[in-house]
Amino acid sequence: MSLTDKYINPFTDFGFKRLFGSEPNKDLLIDFLNQLLPEHHKIADLTYADKEHLPLTEYERKAIFDIYCTNAKGERFIVEIQKAKQNYFKDRSVYYSTFPIQKQAQKGEWNYQLAAVYTVGILDFVFDESRNSKDIMHFVQLKNQENQVFYDKLTFIYLEMPKFMKSESELENDFDKWMYVFKNMHKLERIPTRIQGKIFEKLFGEAELAKLKPQDMIAYEESLKVYRDLKAVTDTAYEDGYKEAESEYAGRLKEAQSQKEEALEKQKGAIILLLLYGVSPIQISQQLNLPIEFIESLKSN
C-alpha cells in the first residue's frame, strides 16, 4: 500500500466486503446492482443471507460466495469479485448458481416455481473469446436455437473491468460512474466532480483508509498483498503466454509466406505455359482469380 493512498482498493477481499457486504452498506450494493438488472428485477430492499451453503450430502463440496443476498420477492443474488483468470471459471459460476436454486425447494406439496437467481461477476480480467469485443458487460441467459430466451430466471452477468477505459469527463450515466469507481477508487485523492450524490459520497466515506481501525488496517494490508501478488503472477503468466503465442504466430506466418511464395513460383510456370499456348491474360485471370496486371507482367517478360 502506498503511503499516499486515500481510499480502499475494492478489488481486495477486505475492501469489497467492507463496502458492499454489510447491512449498514446495503444501499450501496442495491444501487450498484440496479445498474445491471433489467427493470422488472430492480431491487427495492435486500437481506444478506448466509454466504456458506451446505451441500446436499457430506461428500459434496461447500460453496462460499463473496456476497449472497435476497430481495423482498425472494430473488437471489450472488456477487463476486474475480481477481484473476481461473480454470473452469464459468463452470464454477454455474455450479454456484445451483445452490440458491436448490435452497428454494419446499417440503410436501410444491409446484416447483422458482424465484430468479442472478450471479454477478466483477472481473479483473477479460475472457479470451471476447478479447476483440468492446462490450464490457455480458448478460447471459439460456436461449433456444432461434436465439430466444428459454428461461429468464437464471442469469449470469459478467463485467470485464479492464475494458472500461473512459476518463472522468466521458462518464455518461450511473453505470459508467460505478465502473469508473471500481477501477480507479484506490488511485483517487478526492471524489471526482462528475461523481456526486448521496450514494457516492457514502461510498467514498466508507472507503477512506484513515477511518479504519488498526486491526482492520492490518487485515486490509494483508488482503492488498494477496491481491497484488496474485495479479503480478497472472500478469506475468499472461505476458509470457502472449510472447510465446506471438513467437509461434511469427513462425507460422513465416512458414505460410514461404509456402505462398513456393506456390506462386509454381503458378508462374503454369501461367507462362498457358500464355505460350495462346490463352489470353483475361481468361487466365478469371480462371485462377489472379490480378490481370500480374499476368500481363509475366507476358511482357
Protein backbone atom coordinates (compact mmCIF):
# COMPACT_ATOMS: atom_id res chain seq x y z
CA MET A 1 0.00 0.00 0.00
CA SER A 2 1.33 3.44 -0.92
CA LEU A 3 1.64 5.98 1.87
CA THR A 4 -0.35 8.38 -0.31
CA ASP A 5 -3.33 6.04 -0.81
CA LYS A 6 -6.52 7.59 0.49
CA TYR A 7 -9.16 5.02 -0.45
CA ILE A 8 -9.57 1.25 -0.29
CA ASN A 9 -8.99 -0.91 -3.35
CA PRO A 10 -12.42 -2.53 -3.95
CA PHE A 11 -10.80 -5.50 -5.75
CA THR A 12 -9.34 -6.75 -2.48
CA ASP A 13 -11.44 -9.22 -0.47
CA PHE A 14 -11.38 -6.90 2.53
CA GLY A 15 -12.28 -3.80 0.53
CA PHE A 16 -15.12 -5.41 -1.41
CA LYS A 17 -16.78 -6.92 1.66
CA ARG A 18 -16.34 -3.75 3.71
CA LEU A 19 -18.00 -1.59 1.06
CA PHE A 20 -20.80 -3.95 -0.02
CA GLY A 21 -21.08 -6.88 2.36
CA SER A 22 -22.72 -5.49 5.49
CA GLU A 23 -26.23 -4.41 6.48
CA PRO A 24 -25.31 -0.71 7.01
CA ASN A 25 -23.99 -0.54 3.43
CA LYS A 26 -26.69 -2.49 1.63
CA ASP A 27 -27.89 0.70 -0.06
CA LEU A 28 -24.53 0.79 -1.89
CA LEU A 29 -25.00 -2.78 -3.12
CA ILE A 30 -28.61 -2.09 -4.14
CA ASP A 31 -27.63 0.95 -6.18
CA PHE A 32 -24.79 -0.92 -7.88
CA LEU A 33 -26.90 -3.99 -8.74
CA ASN A 34 -29.74 -1.85 -10.08
CA GLN A 35 -27.39 -0.52 -12.75
CA LEU A 36 -27.07 -4.08 -14.07
CA LEU A 37 -30.52 -5.62 -13.62
CA PRO A 38 -33.49 -5.43 -16.02
CA GLU A 39 -36.33 -3.17 -14.97
CA HIS A 40 -38.62 -5.98 -13.74
CA HIS A 41 -35.97 -7.24 -11.32
CA LYS A 42 -34.84 -3.91 -9.83
CA ILE A 43 -34.19 -4.16 -6.09
CA ALA A 44 -36.03 -2.02 -3.54
CA ASP A 45 -34.57 -3.78 -0.50
CA LEU A 46 -32.43 -6.83 0.22
CA THR A 47 -31.36 -9.12 3.03
CA TYR A 48 -27.93 -10.66 3.43
CA ALA A 49 -28.05 -14.45 3.60
CA ASP A 50 -25.56 -16.99 4.87
CA LYS A 51 -22.67 -16.96 2.40
CA GLU A 52 -21.82 -20.59 3.12
CA HIS A 53 -24.27 -23.00 1.57
CA LEU A 54 -24.11 -26.54 2.84
CA PRO A 55 -24.26 -29.26 0.18
CA LEU A 56 -26.95 -31.89 -0.03
CA THR A 57 -24.59 -34.59 1.25
CA GLU A 58 -21.41 -34.57 3.29
CA TYR A 59 -19.48 -35.76 0.23
CA GLU A 60 -20.32 -32.70 -1.85
CA ARG A 61 -18.25 -29.57 -1.81
CA LYS A 62 -19.36 -26.44 0.02
CA ALA A 63 -20.00 -23.24 -1.93
CA ILE A 64 -18.83 -19.97 -0.42
CA PHE A 65 -19.76 -16.69 -2.09
CA ASP A 66 -18.36 -13.18 -1.57
CA ILE A 67 -21.86 -11.77 -1.13
CA TYR A 68 -25.17 -13.63 -1.18
CA CYS A 69 -28.46 -11.81 -0.68
CA THR A 70 -32.18 -11.93 -1.44
CA ASN A 71 -34.72 -9.22 -2.17
CA ALA A 72 -38.31 -8.86 -0.99
CA LYS A 73 -39.60 -11.08 -3.83
CA GLY A 74 -37.24 -13.91 -2.87
CA GLU A 75 -34.92 -13.42 -5.84
CA ARG A 76 -31.34 -14.49 -5.13
CA PHE A 77 -28.14 -12.59 -5.94
CA ILE A 78 -24.60 -13.91 -5.81
CA VAL A 79 -21.97 -11.17 -6.20
CA GLU A 80 -18.30 -11.99 -6.58
CA ILE A 81 -15.02 -10.29 -7.31
CA GLN A 82 -12.77 -12.41 -9.53
CA LYS A 83 -9.23 -11.09 -9.43
CA ALA A 84 -7.56 -13.45 -11.88
CA LYS A 85 -8.35 -15.99 -14.57
CA GLN A 86 -9.19 -19.41 -13.26
CA ASN A 87 -9.56 -22.75 -14.99
CA TYR A 88 -13.23 -23.65 -15.35
CA PHE A 89 -14.36 -20.26 -14.03
CA LYS A 90 -17.63 -20.46 -15.97
CA ASP A 91 -18.21 -23.98 -14.68
CA ARG A 92 -17.76 -22.68 -11.15
CA SER A 93 -20.28 -19.88 -11.76
CA VAL A 94 -22.88 -22.38 -12.95
CA TYR A 95 -22.11 -24.70 -10.03
CA TYR A 96 -22.53 -21.89 -7.50
CA SER A 97 -25.84 -20.86 -9.06
CA THR A 98 -27.32 -24.29 -8.34
CA PHE A 99 -27.18 -23.79 -4.56
CA PRO A 100 -29.65 -20.88 -4.33
CA ILE A 101 -31.86 -22.81 -6.77
CA GLN A 102 -31.89 -25.95 -4.63
CA LYS A 103 -32.36 -23.86 -1.50
CA GLN A 104 -35.82 -22.90 -2.77
CA ALA A 105 -37.10 -26.48 -2.61
CA GLN A 106 -40.12 -26.85 -0.29
CA LYS A 107 -41.19 -29.86 1.71
CA GLY A 108 -44.51 -31.50 0.94
CA GLU A 109 -46.64 -30.30 -1.96
CA TRP A 110 -44.66 -27.95 -4.21
CA ASN A 111 -45.23 -26.85 -7.79
CA TYR A 112 -41.50 -26.17 -8.48
CA GLN A 113 -41.99 -22.45 -9.06
CA LEU A 114 -38.64 -20.73 -8.60
CA ALA A 115 -37.57 -17.16 -7.89
CA ALA A 116 -34.92 -15.66 -10.15
CA VAL A 117 -31.23 -16.25 -9.46
CA TYR A 118 -28.53 -13.82 -10.58
CA THR A 119 -24.79 -14.43 -10.48
CA VAL A 120 -22.78 -11.22 -10.86
CA GLY A 121 -19.04 -11.44 -11.52
CA ILE A 122 -16.85 -8.34 -11.38
CA LEU A 123 -13.79 -9.50 -13.31
CA ASP A 124 -10.30 -8.04 -13.21
CA PHE A 125 -9.55 -9.88 -16.45
CA VAL A 126 -11.02 -10.41 -19.93
CA PHE A 127 -12.40 -13.63 -21.37
CA ASP A 128 -10.16 -14.91 -24.18
CA GLU A 129 -13.05 -15.31 -26.59
CA SER A 130 -14.24 -11.70 -26.09
CA ARG A 131 -10.84 -10.01 -26.21
CA ASN A 132 -11.66 -8.33 -29.54
CA SER A 133 -15.11 -7.20 -28.40
CA LYS A 134 -15.70 -3.77 -26.89
CA ASP A 135 -18.60 -4.99 -24.74
CA ILE A 136 -17.86 -4.56 -21.03
CA MET A 137 -20.95 -6.32 -19.70
CA HIS A 138 -22.03 -9.84 -20.64
CA PHE A 139 -25.66 -10.64 -19.86
CA VAL A 140 -26.05 -14.41 -20.22
CA GLN A 141 -29.28 -16.44 -20.19
CA LEU A 142 -30.49 -19.81 -21.53
CA LYS A 143 -31.62 -19.47 -25.16
CA ASN A 144 -33.02 -21.81 -27.79
CA GLN A 145 -31.84 -22.43 -31.35
CA GLU A 146 -33.69 -19.32 -32.54
CA ASN A 147 -31.81 -17.14 -30.03
CA GLN A 148 -34.95 -16.60 -27.94
CA VAL A 149 -34.74 -16.63 -24.15
CA PHE A 150 -35.84 -20.06 -22.95
CA TYR A 151 -35.64 -19.32 -19.22
CA ASP A 152 -35.28 -15.82 -17.79
CA LYS A 153 -34.91 -16.74 -14.11
CA LEU A 154 -31.26 -17.80 -14.31
CA THR A 155 -28.91 -15.02 -15.35
CA PHE A 156 -25.15 -14.54 -15.30
CA ILE A 157 -23.77 -11.02 -15.51
CA TYR A 158 -20.04 -10.55 -16.04
CA LEU A 159 -18.23 -7.21 -16.03
CA GLU A 160 -14.83 -7.20 -17.77
CA MET A 161 -13.28 -4.28 -15.92
CA PRO A 162 -10.02 -3.96 -17.93
CA LYS A 163 -12.12 -2.96 -20.95
CA PHE A 164 -13.52 0.11 -19.20
CA MET A 165 -11.28 2.94 -20.42
CA LYS A 166 -13.43 6.06 -20.00
CA SER A 167 -11.97 9.12 -18.35
CA GLU A 168 -13.89 11.19 -15.81
CA SER A 169 -15.02 13.67 -18.47
CA GLU A 170 -16.51 10.83 -20.57
CA LEU A 171 -18.81 9.41 -17.87
CA GLU A 172 -22.40 9.47 -19.15
CA ASN A 173 -24.56 7.66 -16.58
CA ASP A 174 -24.54 5.90 -13.21
CA PHE A 175 -23.31 2.64 -14.77
CA ASP A 176 -20.24 4.49 -16.08
CA LYS A 177 -19.71 6.07 -12.68
CA TRP A 178 -19.76 2.73 -10.88
CA MET A 179 -17.34 1.23 -13.41
CA TYR A 180 -15.02 4.21 -13.02
CA VAL A 181 -15.13 3.97 -9.23
CA PHE A 182 -14.38 0.23 -9.19
CA LYS A 183 -11.41 0.67 -11.47
CA ASN A 184 -9.94 3.91 -10.11
CA MET A 185 -11.03 4.47 -6.50
CA HIS A 186 -7.73 3.38 -4.93
CA LYS A 187 -5.84 5.85 -7.17
CA LEU A 188 -8.02 8.88 -6.40
CA GLU A 189 -7.35 11.67 -3.91
CA ARG A 190 -10.91 13.02 -3.82
CA ILE A 191 -14.42 12.34 -5.05
CA PRO A 192 -14.43 13.21 -8.77
CA THR A 193 -16.51 16.22 -9.74
CA ARG A 194 -18.74 14.20 -12.07
CA ILE A 195 -19.39 11.53 -9.44
CA GLN A 196 -21.54 13.30 -6.91
CA GLY A 197 -24.65 12.34 -4.97
CA LYS A 198 -25.57 10.76 -1.69
CA ILE A 199 -24.67 7.18 -2.64
CA PHE A 200 -21.20 8.00 -3.94
CA GLU A 201 -20.47 10.33 -1.03
CA LYS A 202 -21.27 7.46 1.35
CA LEU A 203 -19.20 5.03 -0.76
CA PHE A 204 -16.09 7.23 -0.63
CA GLY A 205 -16.66 7.91 3.06
CA GLU A 206 -16.70 4.17 3.82
CA ALA A 207 -13.62 3.67 1.66
CA GLU A 208 -11.38 6.16 3.49
CA LEU A 209 -8.35 4.34 4.85
CA ALA A 210 -7.97 6.93 7.62
CA LYS A 211 -11.23 5.68 9.17
CA LEU A 212 -10.05 2.07 9.52
CA LYS A 213 -9.33 0.70 12.96
CA PRO A 214 -5.76 -0.61 13.48
CA GLN A 215 -6.83 -4.27 13.23
CA ASP A 216 -8.82 -3.50 10.08
CA MET A 217 -5.82 -1.75 8.55
CA ILE A 218 -3.71 -4.84 9.18
CA ALA A 219 -6.39 -7.04 7.58
CA TYR A 220 -6.60 -4.69 4.59
CA GLU A 221 -2.84 -4.60 4.07
CA GLU A 222 -2.75 -8.41 4.10
CA SER A 223 -5.66 -8.56 1.64
CA LEU A 224 -3.94 -6.00 -0.59
CA LYS A 225 -0.71 -8.02 -0.56
CA VAL A 226 -2.59 -11.16 -1.64
CA TYR A 227 -4.28 -9.20 -4.44
CA ARG A 228 -1.03 -7.69 -5.71
CA ASP A 229 0.88 -10.97 -5.54
CA LEU A 230 -1.88 -12.77 -7.42
CA LYS A 231 -2.11 -10.01 -10.03
CA ALA A 232 1.66 -9.99 -10.52
CA VAL A 233 1.70 -13.75 -11.09
CA THR A 234 -1.23 -13.73 -13.53
CA ASP A 235 0.04 -10.67 -15.41
CA THR A 236 3.45 -12.31 -15.81
CA ALA A 237 1.84 -15.55 -16.96
CA TYR A 238 -0.24 -13.61 -19.49
CA GLU A 239 2.78 -11.69 -20.79
CA ASP A 240 4.82 -14.89 -21.10
CA GLY A 241 1.92 -16.62 -22.83
CA TYR A 242 1.45 -13.64 -25.14
CA LYS A 243 5.14 -13.60 -26.07
CA GLU A 244 5.11 -17.34 -26.68
CA ALA A 245 1.98 -17.05 -28.81
CA GLU A 246 3.47 -14.07 -30.66
CA SER A 247 6.65 -16.05 -31.40
CA GLU A 248 4.64 -19.05 -32.55
CA TYR A 249 2.47 -16.82 -34.73
CA ALA A 250 5.57 -15.21 -36.30
CA GLY A 251 6.97 -18.68 -37.06
CA ARG A 252 3.72 -19.82 -38.64
CA LEU A 253 3.45 -16.58 -40.61
CA LYS A 254 6.98 -17.03 -41.98
CA GLU A 255 6.21 -20.64 -42.91
CA ALA A 256 2.95 -19.62 -44.60
CA GLN A 257 4.74 -16.84 -46.51
CA SER A 258 7.36 -19.32 -47.70
CA GLN A 259 4.67 -21.77 -48.85
CA LYS A 260 2.83 -18.93 -50.61
CA GLU A 261 5.96 -17.90 -52.48
CA GLU A 262 6.65 -21.51 -53.46
CA ALA A 263 3.08 -21.92 -54.72
CA LEU A 264 3.36 -18.65 -56.63
CA GLU A 265 6.50 -19.85 -58.40
CA LYS A 266 4.64 -22.99 -59.50
CA GLN A 267 1.74 -20.83 -60.69
CA LYS A 268 4.11 -18.67 -62.70
CA GLY A 269 5.30 -21.71 -64.63
CA ALA A 270 1.75 -22.79 -65.36
CA ILE A 271 0.71 -19.29 -66.43
CA ILE A 272 3.66 -18.99 -68.82
CA LEU A 273 2.72 -22.31 -70.42
CA LEU A 274 -0.87 -21.14 -70.87
CA LEU A 275 0.34 -17.90 -72.47
CA LEU A 276 2.58 -19.87 -74.81
CA TYR A 277 -0.44 -21.95 -75.85
CA GLY A 278 -2.27 -18.74 -76.71
CA VAL A 279 -4.65 -18.44 -73.75
CA SER A 280 -5.46 -14.76 -73.18
CA PRO A 281 -4.39 -12.97 -69.91
CA ILE A 282 -8.04 -12.13 -69.18
CA GLN A 283 -9.07 -15.80 -69.34
CA ILE A 284 -6.17 -16.81 -67.09
CA SER A 285 -7.01 -14.03 -64.64
CA GLN A 286 -10.64 -15.16 -64.39
CA GLN A 287 -9.82 -18.87 -64.10
CA LEU A 288 -7.06 -18.50 -61.48
CA ASN A 289 -8.54 -15.47 -59.70
CA LEU A 290 -5.32 -13.52 -60.07
CA PRO A 291 -4.81 -9.81 -60.88
CA ILE A 292 -4.66 -9.14 -64.62
CA GLU A 293 -1.65 -6.86 -64.04
CA PHE A 294 0.34 -9.77 -62.61
CA ILE A 295 -0.35 -11.93 -65.67
CA GLU A 296 0.39 -9.07 -68.07
CA SER A 297 3.74 -8.56 -66.36
CA LEU A 298 4.63 -12.24 -66.92
CA LYS A 299 3.63 -11.95 -70.56
CA SER A 300 5.74 -8.85 -71.14
CA ASN A 301 8.77 -10.52 -69.52
